[in-house]
Amino acid sequence: MDFTTFTFFVTNMALLAAGLFLWLERDNVNPKWKTALSVSGMVCFIAAVHYYYMRGNMDATDVVSIRYIDWLITVPLQMVEFYIVLAAVTAVSAGVLHRLLGFSVLMLVGGYLGETGVVAAISPTVGFAIGMVCWGLMLREIWSGEAAEVNAKASAAGQYAFDGMKKIVTFGWAIYPLGYFLGYFTTGGVDMDVTNQVYNLADFVNKILIGMIVYAAAKMDTK
């Protein structure tokens, strides 16, 4: 088994275990946090299923397509989770959800078109640029936009969850463009092994850690 395949297996099993844990624990927290934990568990389970198929389809095109199917489901769900966490502890407008969903979908569509080349005009460089701009707009929303303003009025548990998720989307998600850059823009041509290894690390860290942060906040708010 080569290292790339090893990382697929490790991430697959870790996501499955995390999803099971979050679903089992959802009834052991304050009821207002159950929806957020349910979404976290769904994110991990959905990703685990896609990893099962990716590790059995190591052809580069299949893996890229399956990975983006996963992300197009799980990343918007994580943006929904941002909204649910805020809504559980304070009043928040639907505009926050709409903006986070819109930016996340555009970010992923740009990355997909850049990596697959299905649209000739969208090269890896153009796709990367689209993704980075949309990610930047998401960061502005959660660091200084309405979402950040609403979070300042939330409870201690709500602020802990939001701040932790905010840092994951900022620093943890930075692993994704690193994988894109190393796979497509370094010398020697496209290196999908490196890209997949970095992407696998990113999913391991980001999908599981967000769930654990929400779980910790839920326990803080449970008597």
Protein backbone atom coordinates (compact mmCIF):
# COMPACT_ATOMS: atom_id res chain seq x y z
CA MET A 1 0.00 0.00 0.00
CA ASP A 2 1.49 3.35 -1.02
CA PHE A 3 1.31 6.45 1.18
CA THR A 4 -1.52 8.09 -0.78
CA THR A 5 -3.73 5.02 -0.40
CA PHE A 6 -2.81 4.86 3.29
CA THR A 7 -4.01 8.44 3.82
CA PHE A 8 -7.30 7.62 2.08
CA PHE A 9 -7.89 4.69 4.47
CA VAL A 10 -6.93 6.63 7.60
CA THR A 11 -9.15 9.57 6.72
CA ASN A 12 -12.02 7.26 5.76
CA MET A 13 -11.96 5.46 9.11
CA ALA A 14 -11.48 8.64 11.13
CA LEU A 15 -14.47 10.34 9.47
CA LEU A 16 -16.63 7.27 10.06
CA ALA A 17 -15.66 7.13 13.75
CA ALA A 18 -16.22 10.86 14.25
CA GLY A 19 -19.61 10.76 12.56
CA LEU A 20 -20.73 7.84 14.73
CA PHE A 21 -19.52 9.57 17.90
CA LEU A 22 -21.37 12.81 17.08
CA TRP A 23 -24.61 11.01 16.31
CA LEU A 24 -24.44 8.98 19.52
CA GLU A 25 -23.75 12.10 21.59
CA ARG A 26 -26.46 14.32 20.09
CA ASP A 27 -28.98 13.17 22.72
CA ASN A 28 -26.60 13.91 25.58
CA VAL A 29 -26.45 17.70 25.12
CA ASN A 30 -28.76 20.67 25.51
CA PRO A 31 -31.55 20.14 22.91
CA LYS A 32 -30.80 23.45 21.16
CA TRP A 33 -27.43 21.99 20.06
CA LYS A 34 -28.82 18.72 18.69
CA THR A 35 -29.32 20.06 15.16
CA ALA A 36 -25.75 21.37 14.97
CA LEU A 37 -24.38 18.00 16.14
CA SER A 38 -26.63 16.21 13.65
CA VAL A 39 -25.22 18.31 10.82
CA SER A 40 -21.66 17.66 12.02
CA GLY A 41 -22.34 13.94 12.06
CA MET A 42 -23.86 14.11 8.57
CA VAL A 43 -20.80 15.93 7.24
CA CYS A 44 -18.49 13.22 8.57
CA PHE A 45 -20.67 10.35 7.35
CA ILE A 46 -21.13 11.81 3.87
CA ALA A 47 -17.38 12.38 3.57
CA ALA A 48 -16.67 8.84 4.83
CA VAL A 49 -18.89 7.36 2.09
CA HIS A 50 -17.11 9.39 -0.57
CA TYR A 51 -13.73 8.34 0.80
CA TYR A 52 -14.79 4.72 0.52
CA TYR A 53 -15.37 5.24 -3.19
CA MET A 54 -12.28 7.38 -3.73
CA ARG A 55 -9.90 4.85 -2.22
CA GLY A 56 -11.33 2.25 -4.62
CA ASN A 57 -11.10 4.50 -7.69
CA MET A 58 -7.56 5.79 -7.75
CA ASP A 59 -7.82 6.99 -11.34
CA ALA A 60 -7.15 10.73 -11.03
CA THR A 61 -10.28 11.90 -12.86
CA ASP A 62 -12.59 9.72 -10.78
CA VAL A 63 -11.03 10.89 -7.52
CA VAL A 64 -11.28 14.57 -8.47
CA SER A 65 -14.94 14.22 -9.44
CA ILE A 66 -15.89 12.19 -6.36
CA ARG A 67 -14.03 14.60 -4.09
CA TYR A 68 -15.89 17.61 -5.46
CA ILE A 69 -19.24 15.81 -5.16
CA ASP A 70 -18.35 15.34 -1.48
CA TRP A 71 -17.31 18.98 -1.03
CA LEU A 72 -20.35 20.36 -2.86
CA ILE A 73 -22.49 18.63 -0.23
CA THR A 74 -20.41 18.88 2.94
CA VAL A 75 -18.95 22.40 2.65
CA PRO A 76 -22.37 24.10 2.27
CA LEU A 77 -23.56 21.93 5.18
CA GLN A 78 -20.75 23.37 7.27
CA MET A 79 -21.93 26.85 6.34
CA VAL A 80 -25.42 25.82 7.43
CA GLU A 81 -23.80 24.72 10.67
CA PHE A 82 -22.36 28.21 11.16
CA TYR A 83 -25.88 29.59 10.86
CA ILE A 84 -27.39 26.94 13.15
CA VAL A 85 -24.80 27.64 15.86
CA LEU A 86 -25.62 31.35 15.73
CA ALA A 87 -29.38 30.77 15.57
CA ALA A 88 -29.21 28.46 18.61
CA VAL A 89 -27.88 31.22 20.84
CA THR A 90 -28.95 34.56 19.33
CA ALA A 91 -31.10 36.19 16.62
CA VAL A 92 -29.52 36.08 13.14
CA SER A 93 -30.87 37.00 9.69
CA ALA A 94 -31.16 34.55 6.81
CA GLY A 95 -28.84 36.81 4.81
CA VAL A 96 -25.86 35.38 6.69
CA LEU A 97 -26.79 31.88 5.56
CA HIS A 98 -27.41 32.97 1.98
CA ARG A 99 -24.04 34.70 1.67
CA LEU A 100 -22.06 31.86 3.23
CA LEU A 101 -23.81 29.29 1.04
CA GLY A 102 -23.32 31.37 -2.10
CA PHE A 103 -19.62 32.01 -1.52
CA SER A 104 -18.93 28.38 -0.62
CA VAL A 105 -20.65 26.99 -3.73
CA LEU A 106 -18.91 29.47 -6.05
CA MET A 107 -15.56 28.64 -4.43
CA LEU A 108 -16.07 24.93 -5.09
CA VAL A 109 -17.38 25.38 -8.62
CA GLY A 110 -14.31 27.45 -9.47
CA GLY A 111 -12.00 24.80 -8.04
CA TYR A 112 -13.81 21.98 -9.83
CA LEU A 113 -13.68 23.70 -13.20
CA GLY A 114 -10.00 24.51 -12.68
CA GLU A 115 -9.03 20.96 -11.72
CA THR A 116 -11.11 19.07 -14.29
CA GLY A 117 -10.77 21.38 -17.31
CA VAL A 118 -14.36 20.64 -18.40
CA VAL A 119 -14.63 24.30 -19.45
CA ALA A 120 -11.70 25.22 -21.66
CA ALA A 121 -11.68 28.85 -20.54
CA ILE A 122 -11.26 27.87 -16.87
CA SER A 123 -7.64 26.85 -16.46
CA PRO A 124 -6.22 25.65 -13.11
CA THR A 125 -4.97 29.20 -12.53
CA VAL A 126 -8.39 30.78 -13.19
CA GLY A 127 -10.14 28.16 -11.07
CA PHE A 128 -7.68 28.77 -8.24
CA ALA A 129 -8.25 32.52 -8.43
CA ILE A 130 -12.05 32.13 -8.33
CA GLY A 131 -11.78 29.85 -5.30
CA MET A 132 -9.47 32.21 -3.43
CA VAL A 133 -11.67 35.26 -4.05
CA CYS A 134 -14.80 33.46 -2.81
CA TRP A 135 -12.94 32.10 0.21
CA GLY A 136 -11.82 35.65 0.98
CA LEU A 137 -15.44 36.86 0.86
CA MET A 138 -16.43 34.09 3.27
CA LEU A 139 -13.66 35.11 5.65
CA ARG A 140 -14.78 38.73 5.54
CA GLU A 141 -18.30 37.66 6.48
CA ILE A 142 -17.24 35.57 9.48
CA TRP A 143 -14.48 37.91 10.71
CA SER A 144 -16.02 41.35 10.21
CA GLY A 145 -19.43 40.98 8.54
CA GLU A 146 -22.89 40.45 9.96
CA ALA A 147 -22.03 36.96 11.20
CA ALA A 148 -19.20 38.35 13.33
CA GLU A 149 -21.42 41.13 14.67
CA VAL A 150 -24.16 38.69 15.65
CA ASN A 151 -21.67 36.35 17.31
CA ALA A 152 -20.54 39.17 19.63
CA LYS A 153 -24.02 39.03 21.22
CA ALA A 154 -24.05 35.25 21.65
CA SER A 155 -23.57 33.21 24.82
CA ALA A 156 -20.14 32.01 25.94
CA ALA A 157 -20.76 28.57 24.43
CA GLY A 158 -22.00 30.09 21.18
CA GLN A 159 -18.97 32.37 20.92
CA TYR A 160 -16.65 29.43 21.64
CA ALA A 161 -18.22 27.37 18.83
CA PHE A 162 -18.30 30.22 16.32
CA ASP A 163 -14.76 31.40 17.08
CA GLY A 164 -13.40 27.86 16.83
CA MET A 165 -15.19 27.22 13.53
CA LYS A 166 -14.04 30.61 12.24
CA LYS A 167 -10.41 29.71 12.92
CA ILE A 168 -10.82 26.33 11.23
CA VAL A 169 -12.28 27.94 8.09
CA THR A 170 -9.40 30.43 8.11
CA PHE A 171 -6.35 28.38 9.04
CA GLY A 172 -7.51 24.79 8.56
CA TRP A 173 -9.03 25.49 5.16
CA ALA A 174 -5.72 27.04 4.07
CA ILE A 175 -4.54 23.43 3.63
CA TYR A 176 -6.83 23.05 0.61
CA PRO A 177 -5.31 25.78 -1.60
CA LEU A 178 -1.90 24.52 -0.50
CA GLY A 179 -2.76 21.10 -1.94
CA TYR A 180 -4.09 22.70 -5.11
CA PHE A 181 -0.94 24.80 -5.49
CA LEU A 182 1.47 21.92 -4.84
CA GLY A 183 -0.35 19.65 -7.26
CA TYR A 184 -0.82 22.06 -10.16
CA PHE A 185 1.67 24.91 -9.96
CA THR A 186 4.98 23.37 -8.94
CA THR A 187 7.56 22.18 -11.46
CA GLY A 188 7.30 18.76 -13.04
CA GLY A 189 3.65 18.88 -14.09
CA VAL A 190 0.49 17.87 -12.23
CA ASP A 191 1.17 15.70 -9.18
CA MET A 192 -2.14 14.21 -8.02
CA ASP A 193 -0.46 12.11 -5.34
CA VAL A 194 0.70 15.23 -3.51
CA THR A 195 -2.65 16.95 -4.04
CA ASN A 196 -4.58 13.96 -2.69
CA GLN A 197 -2.30 13.56 0.31
CA VAL A 198 -2.77 17.22 1.28
CA TYR A 199 -6.52 17.16 0.58
CA ASN A 200 -6.87 14.05 2.73
CA LEU A 201 -5.06 15.78 5.58
CA ALA A 202 -7.32 18.83 5.14
CA ASP A 203 -10.50 16.76 5.32
CA PHE A 204 -9.21 14.84 8.34
CA VAL A 205 -8.50 18.07 10.22
CA ASN A 206 -11.36 20.29 9.13
CA LYS A 207 -14.41 18.04 9.01
CA ILE A 208 -13.63 16.25 12.27
CA LEU A 209 -12.34 19.23 14.24
CA ILE A 210 -15.37 21.42 13.47
CA GLY A 211 -17.59 18.65 14.81
CA MET A 212 -15.51 18.32 17.96
CA ILE A 213 -15.59 22.10 18.54
CA VAL A 214 -19.38 22.16 18.27
CA TYR A 215 -19.59 19.15 20.60
CA ALA A 216 -17.37 20.89 23.18
CA ALA A 217 -19.55 24.02 23.01
CA ALA A 218 -22.69 21.92 23.39
CA LYS A 219 -21.27 20.26 26.53
CA MET A 220 -20.38 23.70 27.90
CA ASP A 221 -24.06 24.67 27.54
CA THR A 222 -25.40 21.43 29.04
CA LYS A 223 -26.19 21.10 32.72
